[in-house]
């Protein structure tokens, strides 16, 4: 299985919809600096196997309550990085977004954003 370490997010797209055949109604698509795409869906109860990493397309299912936090981070922080991996047996899975190191007390506005 592939792994993705600290790839900068270069673009994003947010979808909110209704589709009775899906177990989610919100999705975020990320474009990464290495050319890969990440699809993050937000079901109310993500499955145990919530991560699928491919060569250039990755799928992640995160809990629905994290949607607002993810969108807020994408709107207000720069740079934002995506990391995901699955290691060992039994598998240890990780998928998440992070920002770069910031000064303490920087406030709500970034001078470099």
N, C-alpha and C. Protein backbone atom coordinates (compact mmCIF):
# COMPACT_ATOMS: atom_id res chain seq x y z
N UNK A 1 0.84 -1.18 0.00
CA UNK A 1 0.00 0.00 0.00
C UNK A 1 0.89 1.25 0.00
N UNK A 2 0.45 2.26 -0.70
CA UNK A 2 1.17 3.52 -0.79
C UNK A 2 1.07 4.28 0.53
N UNK A 3 1.93 5.25 0.69
CA UNK A 3 1.80 6.16 1.81
C UNK A 3 2.06 7.57 1.30
N UNK A 4 1.53 8.54 2.02
CA UNK A 4 1.63 9.94 1.61
C UNK A 4 2.12 10.72 2.83
N UNK A 5 3.26 11.38 2.70
CA UNK A 5 3.84 12.09 3.85
C UNK A 5 3.94 13.59 3.56
N UNK A 6 3.22 14.38 4.32
CA UNK A 6 3.31 15.84 4.28
C UNK A 6 3.29 16.41 2.87
N UNK A 7 2.30 16.02 2.10
CA UNK A 7 2.13 16.59 0.77
C UNK A 7 1.29 17.87 0.88
N UNK A 8 1.82 18.95 0.33
CA UNK A 8 1.10 20.22 0.43
C UNK A 8 -0.18 20.19 -0.39
N UNK A 9 -1.25 20.70 0.20
CA UNK A 9 -2.54 20.84 -0.48
C UNK A 9 -2.46 22.11 -1.33
N UNK A 10 -2.69 21.96 -2.64
CA UNK A 10 -2.59 23.11 -3.54
C UNK A 10 -3.95 23.63 -3.98
N UNK A 11 -4.99 22.81 -3.82
CA UNK A 11 -6.35 23.23 -4.17
C UNK A 11 -7.35 22.36 -3.44
N UNK A 12 -8.58 22.87 -3.34
CA UNK A 12 -9.63 22.06 -2.75
C UNK A 12 -10.98 22.41 -3.33
N UNK A 13 -11.90 21.47 -3.21
CA UNK A 13 -13.27 21.63 -3.69
C UNK A 13 -14.18 21.04 -2.62
N UNK A 14 -15.24 21.74 -2.27
CA UNK A 14 -16.19 21.28 -1.26
C UNK A 14 -17.53 20.98 -1.94
N UNK A 15 -18.08 19.82 -1.64
CA UNK A 15 -19.40 19.43 -2.16
C UNK A 15 -20.32 19.12 -0.99
N UNK A 16 -21.54 19.65 -1.05
CA UNK A 16 -22.61 19.31 -0.10
C UNK A 16 -23.80 18.91 -0.97
N UNK A 17 -24.36 17.73 -0.71
CA UNK A 17 -25.37 17.19 -1.61
C UNK A 17 -26.27 16.20 -0.88
N UNK A 18 -27.24 15.70 -1.59
CA UNK A 18 -28.08 14.61 -1.08
C UNK A 18 -28.07 13.50 -2.12
N UNK A 19 -27.71 12.30 -1.68
CA UNK A 19 -27.68 11.14 -2.56
C UNK A 19 -28.06 9.92 -1.72
N UNK A 20 -29.31 9.47 -1.83
CA UNK A 20 -29.80 8.38 -0.98
C UNK A 20 -28.98 7.09 -1.06
N UNK A 21 -28.22 6.90 -2.13
CA UNK A 21 -27.43 5.68 -2.26
C UNK A 21 -26.07 5.75 -1.56
N UNK A 22 -25.71 6.93 -1.05
CA UNK A 22 -24.43 7.10 -0.35
C UNK A 22 -24.67 7.24 1.14
N UNK A 23 -23.65 6.89 1.94
CA UNK A 23 -23.76 7.02 3.40
C UNK A 23 -23.19 8.35 3.90
N UNK A 24 -23.00 9.31 3.01
CA UNK A 24 -22.50 10.64 3.37
C UNK A 24 -23.15 11.68 2.46
N UNK A 25 -23.13 12.94 2.90
CA UNK A 25 -23.71 14.01 2.09
C UNK A 25 -22.77 15.22 1.96
N UNK A 26 -21.50 15.01 2.36
CA UNK A 26 -20.49 16.06 2.25
C UNK A 26 -19.17 15.42 1.82
N UNK A 27 -18.44 16.16 0.99
CA UNK A 27 -17.17 15.64 0.49
C UNK A 27 -16.22 16.81 0.23
N UNK A 28 -14.95 16.58 0.46
CA UNK A 28 -13.90 17.54 0.14
C UNK A 28 -12.91 16.84 -0.77
N UNK A 29 -12.54 17.49 -1.86
CA UNK A 29 -11.51 16.96 -2.76
C UNK A 29 -10.29 17.85 -2.67
N UNK A 30 -9.15 17.23 -2.46
CA UNK A 30 -7.89 17.96 -2.34
C UNK A 30 -7.00 17.68 -3.54
N UNK A 31 -6.36 18.70 -4.06
CA UNK A 31 -5.30 18.55 -5.03
C UNK A 31 -3.98 18.68 -4.28
N UNK A 32 -3.07 17.75 -4.48
CA UNK A 32 -1.79 17.78 -3.78
C UNK A 32 -0.66 18.22 -4.70
N UNK A 33 0.42 18.71 -4.11
CA UNK A 33 1.56 19.21 -4.88
C UNK A 33 2.18 18.14 -5.77
N UNK A 34 2.07 16.88 -5.39
CA UNK A 34 2.65 15.80 -6.20
C UNK A 34 1.73 15.35 -7.33
N UNK A 35 0.58 16.03 -7.52
CA UNK A 35 -0.35 15.72 -8.59
C UNK A 35 -1.45 14.76 -8.20
N UNK A 36 -1.40 14.21 -7.01
CA UNK A 36 -2.42 13.27 -6.55
C UNK A 36 -3.69 14.01 -6.13
N UNK A 37 -4.79 13.26 -6.05
CA UNK A 37 -6.07 13.77 -5.59
C UNK A 37 -6.50 12.97 -4.37
N UNK A 38 -7.08 13.66 -3.39
CA UNK A 38 -7.61 13.01 -2.19
C UNK A 38 -9.10 13.32 -2.13
N UNK A 39 -9.91 12.29 -1.97
CA UNK A 39 -11.34 12.44 -1.77
C UNK A 39 -11.64 12.12 -0.32
N UNK A 40 -12.16 13.10 0.41
CA UNK A 40 -12.51 12.89 1.81
C UNK A 40 -14.03 12.97 1.92
N UNK A 41 -14.65 11.87 2.32
CA UNK A 41 -16.10 11.87 2.56
C UNK A 41 -16.33 11.82 4.06
N UNK A 42 -17.53 12.23 4.48
CA UNK A 42 -17.82 12.42 5.89
C UNK A 42 -19.11 11.69 6.31
N UNK A 43 -19.06 10.35 6.40
CA UNK A 43 -20.23 9.61 6.88
C UNK A 43 -20.40 9.79 8.39
N UNK A 44 -21.62 9.56 8.88
CA UNK A 44 -21.83 9.68 10.33
C UNK A 44 -21.05 8.63 11.09
N UNK A 45 -20.85 7.47 10.50
CA UNK A 45 -20.06 6.40 11.14
C UNK A 45 -19.10 5.82 10.12
N UNK A 46 -17.86 6.32 10.08
CA UNK A 46 -16.89 5.78 9.12
C UNK A 46 -16.57 4.31 9.41
N UNK A 47 -16.28 3.54 8.38
CA UNK A 47 -15.92 2.14 8.60
C UNK A 47 -14.53 2.02 9.22
N UNK A 48 -14.21 0.86 9.76
CA UNK A 48 -12.89 0.61 10.33
C UNK A 48 -11.82 0.76 9.26
N UNK A 49 -12.11 0.29 8.07
CA UNK A 49 -11.18 0.41 6.94
C UNK A 49 -11.50 1.70 6.18
N UNK A 50 -11.19 2.83 6.80
CA UNK A 50 -11.60 4.15 6.30
C UNK A 50 -10.63 4.77 5.31
N UNK A 51 -9.57 4.05 4.95
CA UNK A 51 -8.49 4.63 4.17
C UNK A 51 -8.16 3.74 2.98
N UNK A 52 -8.08 4.34 1.80
CA UNK A 52 -7.67 3.63 0.60
C UNK A 52 -6.66 4.51 -0.13
N UNK A 53 -5.42 4.04 -0.20
CA UNK A 53 -4.35 4.80 -0.83
C UNK A 53 -3.96 4.15 -2.13
N UNK A 54 -3.98 4.93 -3.20
CA UNK A 54 -3.57 4.44 -4.50
C UNK A 54 -2.34 5.17 -5.00
N UNK A 55 -2.03 4.99 -6.26
CA UNK A 55 -0.86 5.65 -6.83
C UNK A 55 -1.05 7.16 -6.92
N UNK A 56 -2.24 7.60 -7.36
CA UNK A 56 -2.46 9.04 -7.50
C UNK A 56 -3.85 9.48 -7.03
N UNK A 57 -4.64 8.54 -6.50
CA UNK A 57 -5.97 8.87 -6.00
C UNK A 57 -6.15 8.18 -4.66
N UNK A 58 -6.47 8.95 -3.63
CA UNK A 58 -6.61 8.43 -2.28
C UNK A 58 -8.01 8.75 -1.77
N UNK A 59 -8.59 7.82 -1.02
CA UNK A 59 -9.92 8.02 -0.44
C UNK A 59 -9.83 7.86 1.07
N UNK A 60 -10.48 8.81 1.77
CA UNK A 60 -10.51 8.81 3.23
C UNK A 60 -11.96 9.05 3.65
N UNK A 61 -12.38 8.35 4.69
CA UNK A 61 -13.70 8.60 5.28
C UNK A 61 -13.48 9.05 6.72
N UNK A 62 -13.85 10.28 7.02
CA UNK A 62 -13.72 10.84 8.36
C UNK A 62 -15.11 11.06 8.95
N UNK A 63 -15.22 11.10 10.28
CA UNK A 63 -16.53 11.34 10.90
C UNK A 63 -17.16 12.66 10.44
N UNK A 64 -18.48 12.66 10.28
CA UNK A 64 -19.20 13.83 9.80
C UNK A 64 -18.92 15.08 10.62
N UNK A 65 -18.71 14.92 11.93
CA UNK A 65 -18.49 16.10 12.77
C UNK A 65 -17.17 16.81 12.47
N UNK A 66 -16.26 16.21 11.68
CA UNK A 66 -14.99 16.85 11.35
C UNK A 66 -15.06 17.70 10.08
N UNK A 67 -16.18 17.67 9.37
CA UNK A 67 -16.30 18.41 8.12
C UNK A 67 -16.02 19.90 8.31
N UNK A 68 -16.71 20.54 9.27
CA UNK A 68 -16.54 21.99 9.47
C UNK A 68 -15.10 22.34 9.83
N UNK A 69 -14.46 21.51 10.66
CA UNK A 69 -13.07 21.77 11.05
C UNK A 69 -12.13 21.70 9.85
N UNK A 70 -12.34 20.70 8.99
CA UNK A 70 -11.49 20.54 7.81
C UNK A 70 -11.67 21.72 6.86
N UNK A 71 -12.92 22.10 6.59
CA UNK A 71 -13.17 23.21 5.67
C UNK A 71 -12.60 24.51 6.25
N UNK A 72 -12.77 24.72 7.55
CA UNK A 72 -12.22 25.93 8.18
C UNK A 72 -10.70 25.98 8.03
N UNK A 73 -10.03 24.85 8.26
CA UNK A 73 -8.57 24.80 8.11
C UNK A 73 -8.17 25.15 6.68
N UNK A 74 -8.87 24.60 5.71
CA UNK A 74 -8.54 24.87 4.31
C UNK A 74 -8.77 26.33 3.94
N UNK A 75 -9.79 26.95 4.55
CA UNK A 75 -10.10 28.36 4.26
C UNK A 75 -9.13 29.33 4.92
N UNK A 76 -8.59 28.97 6.08
CA UNK A 76 -7.87 29.96 6.88
C UNK A 76 -6.38 29.71 7.05
N UNK A 77 -5.89 28.55 6.71
CA UNK A 77 -4.48 28.23 6.93
C UNK A 77 -3.74 28.04 5.61
N UNK A 78 -2.45 28.37 5.62
CA UNK A 78 -1.60 28.15 4.47
C UNK A 78 -0.17 28.11 4.95
N UNK A 79 0.58 27.12 4.65
CA UNK A 79 0.22 25.93 3.89
C UNK A 79 -0.49 24.89 4.77
N UNK A 80 -1.19 23.97 4.09
CA UNK A 80 -1.83 22.83 4.72
C UNK A 80 -1.25 21.58 4.08
N UNK A 81 -0.98 20.56 4.90
CA UNK A 81 -0.36 19.33 4.42
C UNK A 81 -1.26 18.13 4.70
N UNK A 82 -1.23 17.16 3.78
CA UNK A 82 -1.96 15.91 3.93
C UNK A 82 -0.97 14.78 4.16
N UNK A 83 -1.26 13.95 5.15
CA UNK A 83 -0.47 12.75 5.43
C UNK A 83 -1.42 11.58 5.61
N UNK A 84 -1.07 10.42 5.05
CA UNK A 84 -1.86 9.21 5.25
C UNK A 84 -0.96 8.00 5.07
N UNK A 85 -1.19 7.00 5.92
CA UNK A 85 -0.43 5.75 5.79
C UNK A 85 -1.16 4.61 6.47
N UNK A 86 -0.75 3.42 6.09
CA UNK A 86 -1.22 2.19 6.73
C UNK A 86 0.02 1.32 6.91
N UNK A 87 0.32 0.99 8.17
CA UNK A 87 1.54 0.24 8.48
C UNK A 87 1.22 -0.99 9.30
N UNK A 88 1.97 -2.06 9.08
CA UNK A 88 1.93 -3.22 9.95
C UNK A 88 0.73 -4.12 9.79
N UNK A 89 0.76 -5.17 10.61
CA UNK A 89 -0.33 -6.13 10.65
C UNK A 89 -0.50 -6.59 12.09
N UNK A 90 -1.60 -6.27 12.75
CA UNK A 90 -2.76 -5.58 12.20
C UNK A 90 -2.41 -4.14 11.83
N UNK A 91 -3.15 -3.62 10.88
CA UNK A 91 -2.84 -2.32 10.30
C UNK A 91 -3.04 -1.18 11.30
N UNK A 92 -2.08 -0.28 11.29
CA UNK A 92 -2.20 1.00 11.99
C UNK A 92 -2.44 2.03 10.90
N UNK A 93 -3.61 2.65 10.94
CA UNK A 93 -3.99 3.61 9.90
C UNK A 93 -3.92 5.04 10.45
N UNK A 94 -3.57 5.96 9.56
CA UNK A 94 -3.56 7.38 9.91
C UNK A 94 -3.91 8.17 8.67
N UNK A 95 -4.73 9.19 8.83
CA UNK A 95 -5.01 10.14 7.76
C UNK A 95 -5.35 11.47 8.41
N UNK A 96 -4.71 12.54 7.94
CA UNK A 96 -5.01 13.83 8.53
C UNK A 96 -4.42 14.99 7.78
N UNK A 97 -4.85 16.17 8.18
CA UNK A 97 -4.34 17.43 7.65
C UNK A 97 -3.62 18.16 8.76
N UNK A 98 -2.59 18.88 8.40
CA UNK A 98 -1.85 19.67 9.39
C UNK A 98 -1.39 20.97 8.76
N UNK A 99 -1.02 21.90 9.60
CA UNK A 99 -0.49 23.18 9.13
C UNK A 99 1.01 23.21 9.38
N UNK A 100 1.64 24.27 8.94
CA UNK A 100 3.06 24.45 9.25
C UNK A 100 3.19 25.01 10.66
N UNK A 101 4.38 25.03 11.18
CA UNK A 101 4.64 25.59 12.49
C UNK A 101 4.32 27.08 12.49
N UNK A 102 3.62 27.52 13.53
CA UNK A 102 3.25 28.93 13.65
C UNK A 102 3.73 29.48 14.99
N UNK A 103 3.93 30.77 15.04
CA UNK A 103 4.34 31.43 16.29
C UNK A 103 3.19 31.44 17.28
N UNK A 104 3.51 31.33 18.56
CA UNK A 104 2.51 31.41 19.63
C UNK A 104 1.90 32.80 19.63
N UNK A 105 0.58 32.88 19.77
CA UNK A 105 -0.11 34.17 19.84
C UNK A 105 -0.21 34.88 18.52
N UNK A 106 -0.08 34.15 17.43
CA UNK A 106 -0.10 34.77 16.11
C UNK A 106 -1.44 35.45 15.82
N UNK A 107 -2.52 34.92 16.38
CA UNK A 107 -3.82 35.52 16.15
C UNK A 107 -4.56 34.85 15.03
N UNK A 108 -5.71 35.39 14.67
CA UNK A 108 -6.55 34.77 13.65
C UNK A 108 -6.06 34.99 12.23
N UNK A 109 -5.34 36.08 11.98
CA UNK A 109 -4.87 36.38 10.62
C UNK A 109 -3.40 36.03 10.50
N UNK A 110 -3.04 35.32 9.44
CA UNK A 110 -1.64 35.01 9.15
C UNK A 110 -1.08 36.08 8.21
N UNK A 111 0.04 36.64 8.56
CA UNK A 111 0.66 37.65 7.70
C UNK A 111 1.11 37.03 6.38
N UNK A 112 1.43 35.71 6.39
CA UNK A 112 1.93 35.06 5.19
C UNK A 112 0.85 34.35 4.38
N UNK A 113 -0.41 34.48 4.77
CA UNK A 113 -1.48 33.76 4.06
C UNK A 113 -1.98 34.55 2.88
